Protein backbone atom coordinates (compact mmCIF):
# COMPACT_ATOMS: atom_id res chain seq x y z
CA UNK A 1 0.00 0.00 0.00
CA UNK A 2 1.22 3.51 -0.83
CA UNK A 3 2.43 5.55 2.12
CA UNK A 4 1.11 9.04 2.82
CA UNK A 5 2.71 12.34 3.72
CA UNK A 6 0.23 14.91 5.02
CA UNK A 7 1.64 18.44 5.28
CA UNK A 8 -0.27 20.70 7.70
CA UNK A 9 0.46 24.34 6.86
CA UNK A 10 -0.87 27.21 8.92
CA UNK A 11 0.09 30.26 10.92
CA UNK A 12 1.31 29.76 14.46
CA UNK A 13 -1.58 29.06 16.81
CA UNK A 14 -4.05 27.48 14.37
CA UNK A 15 -3.62 24.03 15.96
CA UNK A 16 -1.25 22.20 13.60
CA UNK A 17 0.44 20.18 16.32
CA UNK A 18 -2.77 19.27 18.13
CA UNK A 19 -4.40 18.16 14.88
CA UNK A 20 -1.28 16.17 13.97
CA UNK A 21 -1.46 14.38 17.32
CA UNK A 22 -4.98 13.20 16.47
CA UNK A 23 -3.86 12.07 13.01
CA UNK A 24 -1.01 10.13 14.67
CA UNK A 25 -3.60 7.82 16.26
CA UNK A 26 -4.25 6.53 12.73
CA UNK A 27 -0.75 5.22 12.04
CA UNK A 28 1.13 8.44 11.23
CA UNK A 29 4.43 9.63 12.67
CA UNK A 30 4.40 13.33 13.57
CA UNK A 31 7.16 15.63 12.40
CA UNK A 32 6.09 18.84 14.04
CA UNK A 33 8.15 21.90 13.20
CA UNK A 34 8.89 22.19 16.92
CA UNK A 35 10.33 18.67 16.97
CA UNK A 36 12.96 20.19 14.70
CA UNK A 37 13.10 23.66 16.31
CA UNK A 38 13.06 22.81 20.01
CA UNK A 39 16.54 21.27 20.40
CA UNK A 40 17.95 24.72 19.56
CA UNK A 41 15.15 26.82 21.05
CA UNK A 42 15.62 25.07 24.39
CA UNK A 43 19.23 26.31 24.46
CA UNK A 44 18.43 29.99 24.13
CA UNK A 45 16.61 32.32 26.49
CA UNK A 46 13.20 32.68 24.91
CA UNK A 47 10.69 35.02 26.45
CA UNK A 48 7.92 34.44 23.91
CA UNK A 49 8.33 37.87 22.33
CA UNK A 50 12.01 38.36 21.37
CA UNK A 51 12.81 37.32 17.79
CA UNK A 52 14.98 34.23 17.27
CA UNK A 53 18.51 34.93 16.00
CA UNK A 54 19.74 33.99 12.51
CA UNK A 55 22.37 31.76 14.15
CA UNK A 56 19.64 29.73 15.84
CA UNK A 57 17.66 29.46 12.59
CA UNK A 58 20.79 28.21 10.80
CA UNK A 59 21.27 25.45 13.39
CA UNK A 60 17.59 24.56 13.11
CA UNK A 61 17.92 24.23 9.32
CA UNK A 62 20.70 21.68 9.84
CA UNK A 63 18.45 19.61 12.13
CA UNK A 64 15.64 19.84 9.57
CA UNK A 65 17.97 18.52 6.87
CA UNK A 66 18.91 15.52 9.05
CA UNK A 67 15.25 14.73 9.78
CA UNK A 68 14.37 15.01 6.09
CA UNK A 69 17.29 12.75 5.15
CA UNK A 70 15.97 10.16 7.59
CA UNK A 71 12.39 10.16 6.31
CA UNK A 72 13.72 9.78 2.77
CA UNK A 73 15.15 6.44 3.89
CA UNK A 74 12.21 5.48 6.11
CA UNK A 75 9.80 5.05 3.23
CA UNK A 76 7.47 2.51 4.87
CA UNK A 77 5.83 4.89 7.34
CA UNK A 78 3.09 7.48 6.98
CA UNK A 79 4.02 10.97 8.15
CA UNK A 80 2.20 14.14 9.10
CA UNK A 81 4.39 17.25 9.02
CA UNK A 82 3.57 20.71 10.34
CA UNK A 83 4.88 24.13 9.35
CA UNK A 84 4.07 27.77 9.10
CA UNK A 85 4.83 28.58 5.48
CA UNK A 86 4.62 32.05 4.00
CA UNK A 87 5.43 32.94 0.38
CA UNK A 88 9.12 33.23 1.25
CA UNK A 89 9.10 29.59 2.38
CA UNK A 90 8.31 28.01 -0.99
CA UNK A 91 11.65 26.18 -1.01
CA UNK A 92 10.71 24.25 2.12
CA UNK A 93 7.33 23.30 0.65
CA UNK A 94 9.01 22.16 -2.57
CA UNK A 95 11.50 20.07 -0.57
CA UNK A 96 8.77 18.24 1.33
CA UNK A 97 6.93 17.59 -1.93
CA UNK A 98 10.16 16.21 -3.46
CA UNK A 99 10.63 13.90 -0.48
CA UNK A 100 7.09 12.56 -0.87
CA UNK A 101 7.72 12.00 -4.56
CA UNK A 102 11.05 10.24 -3.95
CA UNK A 103 9.38 8.01 -1.35
CA UNK A 104 6.51 7.39 -3.80
CA UNK A 105 4.15 8.59 -1.08
CA UNK A 106 0.78 10.20 -1.60
CA UNK A 107 1.32 13.91 -0.85
CA UNK A 108 -1.57 15.78 0.77
CA UNK A 109 -0.97 19.46 1.55
CA UNK A 110 -3.47 20.97 3.99
CA UNK A 111 -3.78 24.73 4.54
CA UNK A 112 -5.33 25.49 7.91
CA UNK A 113 -7.00 28.87 8.31
CA UNK A 114 -8.73 30.60 11.19
CA UNK A 115 -10.54 33.88 11.82
CA UNK A 116 -8.46 36.60 13.46
CA UNK A 117 -10.28 36.82 16.81
CA UNK A 118 -9.95 33.08 17.46
CA UNK A 119 -6.36 33.16 16.22
CA UNK A 120 -5.44 35.84 18.75
CA UNK A 121 -7.05 33.81 21.54
CA UNK A 122 -5.08 30.69 20.62
CA UNK A 123 -1.73 32.45 20.06
CA UNK A 124 -1.82 34.15 23.45
CA UNK A 125 -2.74 31.03 25.44
CA UNK A 126 -0.11 30.45 28.15
CA UNK A 127 0.49 26.78 27.32
CA UNK A 128 2.22 27.71 24.06
CA UNK A 129 5.29 29.10 25.82
CA UNK A 130 5.94 25.71 27.43
CA UNK A 131 6.72 24.30 23.96
CA UNK A 132 8.91 27.30 23.05
CA UNK A 133 6.13 28.77 20.93
CA UNK A 134 5.62 32.49 20.70
CA UNK A 135 2.72 33.98 22.60
CA UNK A 136 3.14 37.37 20.95
CA UNK A 137 0.47 38.55 18.56
CA UNK A 138 3.21 40.48 16.72
CA UNK A 139 5.14 37.26 16.06
CA UNK A 140 1.96 35.48 15.02
CA UNK A 141 1.89 37.31 11.69
CA UNK A 142 -1.85 37.61 11.99
CA UNK A 143 -2.12 39.56 8.76
CA UNK A 144 0.34 37.46 6.73
CA UNK A 145 -0.77 35.22 3.92
CA UNK A 146 0.19 31.57 3.79
CA UNK A 147 2.10 30.21 0.84
CA UNK A 148 0.09 29.84 -2.38
CA UNK A 149 -0.29 26.20 -3.26
CA UNK A 150 -1.52 24.67 -6.46
CA UNK A 151 -1.74 20.94 -5.94
CA UNK A 152 -4.48 18.48 -6.93
CA UNK A 153 -4.64 17.03 -3.40
CA UNK A 154 -4.77 20.37 -1.57
CA UNK A 155 -7.32 20.68 1.22
CA UNK A 156 -8.07 24.16 2.58
CA UNK A 157 -9.69 23.86 5.98
CA UNK A 158 -11.03 26.62 8.23
CA UNK A 159 -10.50 25.36 11.78
CA UNK A 160 -12.14 28.30 13.56
CA UNK A 161 -15.12 26.26 14.77
CA UNK A 162 -13.60 22.78 14.65
CA UNK A 163 -12.05 20.78 17.43
CA UNK A 164 -8.66 19.27 16.65
CA UNK A 165 -10.35 15.85 16.45
CA UNK A 166 -12.92 17.12 13.94
CA UNK A 167 -10.21 18.73 11.82
CA UNK A 168 -8.16 15.51 11.89
CA UNK A 169 -11.21 13.50 10.79
CA UNK A 170 -11.84 15.85 7.86
CA UNK A 171 -8.18 15.59 6.79
CA UNK A 172 -8.19 11.80 7.04
CA UNK A 173 -11.47 11.56 5.12
CA UNK A 174 -10.01 13.79 2.39
CA UNK A 175 -6.87 11.62 2.26
CA UNK A 176 -8.90 8.39 2.05
CA UNK A 177 -10.92 9.78 -0.88
CA UNK A 178 -7.70 10.55 -2.75
CA UNK A 179 -6.35 7.07 -2.00
CA UNK A 180 -9.51 5.47 -3.42
CA UNK A 181 -9.28 7.60 -6.57
CA UNK A 182 -5.62 6.63 -7.05
CA UNK A 183 -6.26 2.86 -6.91
């Protein structure tokens, strides 16, 4: 059976990680962007509002490369990845798509959106800082646009009024429909 790579893309605070955790209960390994970021973020003094240095981002990119190299070789598992991708991040999106292609995995990009008021509420929740996530509305890029994606398997999902479980179910249903069409 063909493996699957689901790529959850959304601004910080939309619930990517929480949704990915629910998808993981269905046989997926989670590669959350903070799995990659936190080894470095845990070494610096983060206060939730100060920007992260270019040196830290460089080290994080090296960890990301190692993780991506591993999943290229681990082609028997299903993965769900999470990221905040803006237009300037198209290279990262392309790389994940290339990995899925090289693994001969079904690639399912999912853009998660949310209304601004709910986004602010989620970004500023205190529990985010425990995972080295920003709690600053300025860092949240509330008015930024996510990367433009043109892909036949793209799902755009507004999670404003969905629980993480409901969002995960919609994503899995979408993925299953694509799998049936590809048989």
